[in-house]
Amino acid sequence: MSFIKAAADERDLYALKGFHFEKLKGERGKAGERSLRLNKQWRLIVKIEQDAQGKLILILDIEKHYNE
């Protein structure tokens, strides 16, 4: 979480290859949802939003990836 908190914007998250930060596909992608890999099995589902002070990451869910 400290890496996410320290990120200036989403480009910093894309640069950290181990997170595999990516926009989701389908309806979830259209809704602006993205995922970060927590480990081989679990993903953090987030959405980037903007408020008066700038961008922020809203955590939506932690999901098991591909039922591994």
PDB file of N, CA and C in Angstrom:
ATOM      1  N   MET A   1       0.820  -1.190   0.000  1.00  0.00           N
ATOM      2  CA  MET A   1       0.000   0.000   0.000  1.00  0.00           C
ATOM      3  C   MET A   1       0.865   1.255   0.000  1.00  0.00           C
ATOM      4  N   SER A   2       2.052   1.159   0.572  1.00  0.00           N
ATOM      5  CA  SER A   2       2.918   2.346   0.606  1.00  0.00           C
ATOM      6  C   SER A   2       3.355   2.769  -0.798  1.00  0.00           C
ATOM      7  N   PHE A   3       3.545   1.809  -1.713  1.00  0.00           N
ATOM      8  CA  PHE A   3       3.888   2.149  -3.093  1.00  0.00           C
ATOM      9  C   PHE A   3       2.727   2.873  -3.779  1.00  0.00           C
ATOM     10  N   ILE A   4       1.527   2.402  -3.521  1.00  0.00           N
ATOM     11  CA  ILE A   4       0.342   3.027  -4.116  1.00  0.00           C
ATOM     12  C   ILE A   4       0.179   4.440  -3.566  1.00  0.00           C
ATOM     13  N   LYS A   5       0.331   4.586  -2.272  1.00  0.00           N
ATOM     14  CA  LYS A   5       0.200   5.894  -1.633  1.00  0.00           C
ATOM     15  C   LYS A   5       1.257   6.874  -2.135  1.00  0.00           C
ATOM     16  N   ALA A   6       2.449   6.382  -2.402  1.00  0.00           N
ATOM     17  CA  ALA A   6       3.548   7.241  -2.838  1.00  0.00           C
ATOM     18  C   ALA A   6       3.470   7.614  -4.322  1.00  0.00           C
ATOM     19  N   ALA A   7       2.648   6.922  -5.092  1.00  0.00           N
ATOM     20  CA  ALA A   7       2.556   7.186  -6.531  1.00  0.00           C
ATOM     21  C   ALA A   7       1.999   8.585  -6.789  1.00  0.00           C
ATOM     22  N   ALA A   8       2.674   9.334  -7.640  1.00  0.00           N
ATOM     23  CA  ALA A   8       2.207  10.676  -7.992  1.00  0.00           C
ATOM     24  C   ALA A   8       0.974  10.610  -8.886  1.00  0.00           C
ATOM     25  N   ASP A   9       0.944   9.645  -9.778  1.00  0.00           N
ATOM     26  CA  ASP A   9      -0.206   9.422 -10.650  1.00  0.00           C
ATOM     27  C   ASP A   9      -0.134   8.000 -11.192  1.00  0.00           C
ATOM     28  N   GLU A  10      -1.070   7.655 -12.094  1.00  0.00           N
ATOM     29  CA  GLU A  10      -1.131   6.269 -12.576  1.00  0.00           C
ATOM     30  C   GLU A  10       0.100   5.845 -13.360  1.00  0.00           C
ATOM     31  N   ARG A  11       0.854   6.796 -13.904  1.00  0.00           N
ATOM     32  CA  ARG A  11       2.085   6.429 -14.622  1.00  0.00           C
ATOM     33  C   ARG A  11       3.081   5.746 -13.696  1.00  0.00           C
ATOM     34  N   ASP A  12       3.128   6.165 -12.430  1.00  0.00           N
ATOM     35  CA  ASP A  12       4.004   5.502 -11.465  1.00  0.00           C
ATOM     36  C   ASP A  12       3.567   4.062 -11.230  1.00  0.00           C
ATOM     37  N   LEU A  13       2.268   3.807 -11.246  1.00  0.00           N
ATOM     38  CA  LEU A  13       1.766   2.442 -11.053  1.00  0.00           C
ATOM     39  C   LEU A  13       2.081   1.576 -12.264  1.00  0.00           C
ATOM     40  N   TYR A  14       1.964   2.136 -13.466  1.00  0.00           N
ATOM     41  CA  TYR A  14       2.328   1.381 -14.675  1.00  0.00           C
ATOM     42  C   TYR A  14       3.820   1.054 -14.671  1.00  0.00           C
ATOM     43  N   ALA A  15       4.652   1.944 -14.120  1.00  0.00           N
ATOM     44  CA  ALA A  15       6.100   1.744 -14.111  1.00  0.00           C
ATOM     45  C   ALA A  15       6.518   0.608 -13.184  1.00  0.00           C
ATOM     46  N   LEU A  16       5.722   0.309 -12.169  1.00  0.00           N
ATOM     47  CA  LEU A  16       6.029  -0.785 -11.249  1.00  0.00           C
ATOM     48  C   LEU A  16       5.493  -2.085 -11.853  1.00  0.00           C
ATOM     49  N   LYS A  17       6.307  -2.737 -12.644  1.00  0.00           N
ATOM     50  CA  LYS A  17       5.877  -3.897 -13.441  1.00  0.00           C
ATOM     51  C   LYS A  17       5.303  -5.036 -12.605  1.00  0.00           C
ATOM     52  N   GLY A  18       5.751  -5.198 -11.379  1.00  0.00           N
ATOM     53  CA  GLY A  18       5.269  -6.284 -10.527  1.00  0.00           C
ATOM     54  C   GLY A  18       3.798  -6.169 -10.171  1.00  0.00           C
ATOM     55  N   PHE A  19       3.241  -4.957 -10.220  1.00  0.00           N
ATOM     56  CA  PHE A  19       1.825  -4.757  -9.930  1.00  0.00           C
ATOM     57  C   PHE A  19       0.927  -5.147 -11.097  1.00  0.00           C
ATOM     58  N   HIS A  20       1.485  -5.203 -12.304  1.00  0.00           N
ATOM     59  CA  HIS A  20       0.696  -5.498 -13.504  1.00  0.00           C
ATOM     60  C   HIS A  20      -0.552  -4.616 -13.550  1.00  0.00           C
ATOM     61  N   PHE A  21      -0.362  -3.332 -13.283  1.00  0.00           N
ATOM     62  CA  PHE A  21      -1.461  -2.368 -13.295  1.00  0.00           C
ATOM     63  C   PHE A  21      -2.044  -2.300 -14.692  1.00  0.00           C
ATOM     64  N   GLU A  22      -3.347  -2.538 -14.810  1.00  0.00           N
ATOM     65  CA  GLU A  22      -3.966  -2.550 -16.130  1.00  0.00           C
ATOM     66  C   GLU A  22      -5.440  -2.180 -16.045  1.00  0.00           C
ATOM     67  N   LYS A  23      -5.933  -1.639 -17.148  1.00  0.00           N
ATOM     68  CA  LYS A  23      -7.347  -1.349 -17.269  1.00  0.00           C
ATOM     69  C   LYS A  23      -8.069  -2.658 -17.536  1.00  0.00           C
ATOM     70  N   LEU A  24      -9.186  -2.878 -16.855  1.00  0.00           N
ATOM     71  CA  LEU A  24      -9.954  -4.094 -17.071  1.00  0.00           C
ATOM     72  C   LEU A  24     -10.694  -4.017 -18.399  1.00  0.00           C
ATOM     73  N   LYS A  25     -11.090  -5.164 -18.889  1.00  0.00           N
ATOM     74  CA  LYS A  25     -11.774  -5.245 -20.184  1.00  0.00           C
ATOM     75  C   LYS A  25     -13.293  -5.262 -19.992  1.00  0.00           C
ATOM     76  N   GLY A  26     -14.006  -5.077 -21.071  1.00  0.00           N
ATOM     77  CA  GLY A  26     -15.462  -5.166 -21.060  1.00  0.00           C
ATOM     78  C   GLY A  26     -16.116  -4.009 -20.326  1.00  0.00           C
ATOM     79  N   GLU A  27     -17.238  -4.313 -19.697  1.00  0.00           N
ATOM     80  CA  GLU A  27     -18.008  -3.286 -18.992  1.00  0.00           C
ATOM     81  C   GLU A  27     -17.217  -2.657 -17.849  1.00  0.00           C
ATOM     82  N   ARG A  28     -16.403  -3.473 -17.185  1.00  0.00           N
ATOM     83  CA  ARG A  28     -15.614  -2.943 -16.071  1.00  0.00           C
ATOM     84  C   ARG A  28     -14.586  -1.936 -16.568  1.00  0.00           C
ATOM     85  N   GLY A  29     -14.012  -2.201 -17.713  1.00  0.00           N
ATOM     86  CA  GLY A  29     -13.068  -1.261 -18.307  1.00  0.00           C
ATOM     87  C   GLY A  29     -13.742   0.022 -18.729  1.00  0.00           C
ATOM     88  N   LYS A  30     -14.933  -0.107 -19.283  1.00  0.00           N
ATOM     89  CA  LYS A  30     -15.704   1.070 -19.676  1.00  0.00           C
ATOM     90  C   LYS A  30     -16.066   1.916 -18.456  1.00  0.00           C
ATOM     91  N   ALA A  31     -16.205   1.273 -17.307  1.00  0.00           N
ATOM     92  CA  ALA A  31     -16.512   1.982 -16.064  1.00  0.00           C
ATOM     93  C   ALA A  31     -15.258   2.578 -15.432  1.00  0.00           C
ATOM     94  N   GLY A  32     -14.101   2.355 -16.060  1.00  0.00           N
ATOM     95  CA  GLY A  32     -12.855   2.929 -15.551  1.00  0.00           C
ATOM     96  C   GLY A  32     -12.151   2.103 -14.490  1.00  0.00           C
ATOM     97  N   GLU A  33     -12.550   0.846 -14.332  1.00  0.00           N
ATOM     98  CA  GLU A  33     -11.926  -0.002 -13.323  1.00  0.00           C
ATOM     99  C   GLU A  33     -10.588  -0.527 -13.817  1.00  0.00           C
ATOM    100  N   ARG A  34      -9.647  -0.629 -12.871  1.00  0.00           N
ATOM    101  CA  ARG A  34      -8.310  -1.138 -13.152  1.00  0.00           C
ATOM    102  C   ARG A  34      -7.942  -2.150 -12.076  1.00  0.00           C
ATOM    103  N   SER A  35      -6.913  -2.945 -12.340  1.00  0.00           N
ATOM    104  CA  SER A  35      -6.488  -3.917 -11.340  1.00  0.00           C
ATOM    105  C   SER A  35      -4.994  -3.805 -11.083  1.00  0.00           C
ATOM    106  N   LEU A  36      -4.625  -4.165  -9.864  1.00  0.00           N
ATOM    107  CA  LEU A  36      -3.227  -4.269  -9.452  1.00  0.00           C
ATOM    108  C   LEU A  36      -3.050  -5.659  -8.855  1.00  0.00           C
ATOM    109  N   ARG A  37      -1.979  -6.324  -9.218  1.00  0.00           N
ATOM    110  CA  ARG A  37      -1.720  -7.660  -8.702  1.00  0.00           C
ATOM    111  C   ARG A  37      -1.148  -7.548  -7.285  1.00  0.00           C
ATOM    112  N   LEU A  38      -1.821  -8.193  -6.326  1.00  0.00           N
ATOM    113  CA  LEU A  38      -1.299  -8.251  -4.959  1.00  0.00           C
ATOM    114  C   LEU A  38      -0.341  -9.430  -4.804  1.00  0.00           C
ATOM    115  N   ASN A  39      -0.700 -10.542  -5.414  1.00  0.00           N
ATOM    116  CA  ASN A  39       0.159 -11.718  -5.515  1.00  0.00           C
ATOM    117  C   ASN A  39      -0.372 -12.536  -6.688  1.00  0.00           C
ATOM    118  N   LYS A  40       0.077 -13.767  -6.839  1.00  0.00           N
ATOM    119  CA  LYS A  40      -0.344 -14.570  -7.988  1.00  0.00           C
ATOM    120  C   LYS A  40      -1.853 -14.826  -7.996  1.00  0.00           C
ATOM    121  N   GLN A  41      -2.467 -14.842  -6.839  1.00  0.00           N
ATOM    122  CA  GLN A  41      -3.864 -15.226  -6.728  1.00  0.00           C
ATOM    123  C   GLN A  41      -4.829 -14.045  -6.581  1.00  0.00           C
ATOM    124  N   TRP A  42      -4.423 -12.961  -5.954  1.00  0.00           N
ATOM    125  CA  TRP A  42      -5.342 -11.885  -5.593  1.00  0.00           C
ATOM    126  C   TRP A  42      -5.057 -10.595  -6.347  1.00  0.00           C
ATOM    127  N   ARG A  43      -6.143  -9.872  -6.679  1.00  0.00           N
ATOM    128  CA  ARG A  43      -6.079  -8.595  -7.389  1.00  0.00           C
ATOM    129  C   ARG A  43      -6.823  -7.526  -6.602  1.00  0.00           C
ATOM    130  N   LEU A  44      -6.268  -6.328  -6.597  1.00  0.00           N
ATOM    131  CA  LEU A  44      -6.924  -5.167  -6.021  1.00  0.00           C
ATOM    132  C   LEU A  44      -7.616  -4.437  -7.164  1.00  0.00           C
ATOM    133  N   ILE A  45      -8.918  -4.255  -7.068  1.00  0.00           N
ATOM    134  CA  ILE A  45      -9.686  -3.575  -8.109  1.00  0.00           C
ATOM    135  C   ILE A  45      -9.878  -2.126  -7.668  1.00  0.00           C
ATOM    136  N   VAL A  46      -9.457  -1.199  -8.527  1.00  0.00           N
ATOM    137  CA  VAL A  46      -9.476   0.220  -8.181  1.00  0.00           C
ATOM    138  C   VAL A  46     -10.093   1.041  -9.302  1.00  0.00           C
ATOM    139  N   LYS A  47     -10.398   2.274  -8.975  1.00  0.00           N
ATOM    140  CA  LYS A  47     -10.871   3.242  -9.956  1.00  0.00           C
ATOM    141  C   LYS A  47     -10.179   4.563  -9.651  1.00  0.00           C
ATOM    142  N   ILE A  48      -9.691   5.225 -10.678  1.00  0.00           N
ATOM    143  CA  ILE A  48      -9.028   6.513 -10.488  1.00  0.00           C
ATOM    144  C   ILE A  48     -10.075   7.602 -10.655  1.00  0.00           C
ATOM    145  N   GLU A  49     -10.184   8.438  -9.639  1.00  0.00           N
ATOM    146  CA  GLU A  49     -11.146   9.530  -9.662  1.00  0.00           C
ATOM    147  C   GLU A  49     -10.429  10.845  -9.399  1.00  0.00           C
ATOM    148  N   GLN A  50     -11.124  11.923  -9.629  1.00  0.00           N
ATOM    149  CA  GLN A  50     -10.553  13.249  -9.438  1.00  0.00           C
ATOM    150  C   GLN A  50     -11.431  14.026  -8.462  1.00  0.00           C
ATOM    151  N   ASP A  51     -10.776  14.687  -7.506  1.00  0.00           N
ATOM    152  CA  ASP A  51     -11.506  15.585  -6.614  1.00  0.00           C
ATOM    153  C   ASP A  51     -10.856  16.962  -6.690  1.00  0.00           C
ATOM    154  N   ALA A  52     -11.227  17.852  -5.824  1.00  0.00           N
ATOM    155  CA  ALA A  52     -10.715  19.228  -5.863  1.00  0.00           C
ATOM    156  C   ALA A  52      -9.204  19.287  -5.649  1.00  0.00           C
ATOM    157  N   GLN A  53      -8.638  18.311  -4.952  1.00  0.00           N
ATOM    158  CA  GLN A  53      -7.205  18.303  -4.674  1.00  0.00           C
ATOM    159  C   GLN A  53      -6.392  17.489  -5.668  1.00  0.00           C
ATOM    160  N   GLY A  54      -7.034  16.853  -6.615  1.00  0.00           N
ATOM    161  CA  GLY A  54      -6.323  16.066  -7.624  1.00  0.00           C
ATOM    162  C   GLY A  54      -6.874  14.664  -7.741  1.00  0.00           C
ATOM    163  N   LYS A  55      -6.061  13.777  -8.319  1.00  0.00           N
ATOM    164  CA  LYS A  55      -6.482  12.393  -8.535  1.00  0.00           C
ATOM    165  C   LYS A  55      -6.353  11.583  -7.259  1.00  0.00           C
ATOM    166  N   LEU A  56      -7.225  10.589  -7.142  1.00  0.00           N
ATOM    167  CA  LEU A  56      -7.139   9.655  -6.028  1.00  0.00           C
ATOM    168  C   LEU A  56      -7.534   8.279  -6.514  1.00  0.00           C
ATOM    169  N   ILE A  57      -7.108   7.275  -5.781  1.00  0.00           N
ATOM    170  CA  ILE A  57      -7.438   5.893  -6.122  1.00  0.00           C
ATOM    171  C   ILE A  57      -8.489   5.394  -5.150  1.00  0.00           C
ATOM    172  N   LEU A  58      -9.613   4.986  -5.703  1.00  0.00           N
ATOM    173  CA  LEU A  58     -10.703   4.441  -4.924  1.00  0.00           C
ATOM    174  C   LEU A  58     -10.611   2.918  -4.989  1.00  0.00           C
ATOM    175  N   ILE A  59     -10.460   2.266  -3.851  1.00  0.00           N
ATOM    176  CA  ILE A  59     -10.388   0.805  -3.811  1.00  0.00           C
ATOM    177  C   ILE A  59     -11.805   0.260  -3.827  1.00  0.00           C
ATOM    178  N   LEU A  60     -12.105  -0.561  -4.836  1.00  0.00           N
ATOM    179  CA  LEU A  60     -13.439  -1.115  -5.001  1.00  0.00           C
ATOM    180  C   LEU A  60     -13.574  -2.508  -4.407  1.00  0.00           C
ATOM    181  N   ASP A  61     -12.519  -3.337  -4.570  1.00  0.00           N
ATOM    182  CA  ASP A  61     -12.651  -4.734  -4.169  1.00  0.00           C
ATOM    183  C   ASP A  61     -11.288  -5.423  -4.171  1.00  0.00           C
ATOM    184  N   ILE A  62     -11.209  -6.528  -3.498  1.00  0.00           N
ATOM    185  CA  ILE A  62     -10.079  -7.455  -3.595  1.00  0.00           C
ATOM    186  C   ILE A  62     -10.688  -8.745  -4.108  1.00  0.00           C
ATOM    187  N   GLU A  63     -10.188  -9.240  -5.253  1.00  0.00           N
ATOM    188  CA  GLU A  63     -10.784 -10.405  -5.892  1.00  0.00           C
ATOM    189  C   GLU A  63      -9.768 -11.504  -6.134  1.00  0.00           C
ATOM    190  N   LYS A  64     -10.268 -12.723  -6.074  1.00  0.00           N
ATOM    191  CA  LYS A  64      -9.482 -13.879  -6.450  1.00  0.00           C
ATOM    192  C   LYS A  64      -9.411 -13.912  -7.970  1.00  0.00           C
ATOM    193  N   HIS A  65      -8.217 -14.055  -8.507  1.00  0.00           N
ATOM    194  CA  HIS A  65      -8.002 -13.976  -9.941  1.00  0.00           C
ATOM    195  C   HIS A  65      -8.030 -15.359 -10.575  1.00  0.00           C
ATOM    196  N   TYR A  66      -8.931 -15.575 -11.504  1.00  0.00           N
ATOM    197  CA  TYR A  66      -9.048 -16.834 -12.250  1.00  0.00           C
ATOM    198  C   TYR A  66      -9.223 -18.050 -11.372  1.00  0.00           C
ATOM    199  N   ASN A  67      -9.765 -17.873 -10.199  1.00  0.00           N
ATOM    200  CA  ASN A  67     -10.045 -18.985  -9.274  1.00  0.00           C
ATOM    201  C   ASN A  67      -8.835 -19.878  -9.040  1.00  0.00           C
ATOM    202  N   GLU A  68      -7.651 -19.275  -8.972  1.00  0.00           N
ATOM    203  CA  GLU A  68      -6.436 -20.068  -8.720  1.00  0.00           C
ATOM    204  C   GLU A  68      -6.360 -20.469  -7.276  1.00  0.00           C
TER     205      GLU A  68
END
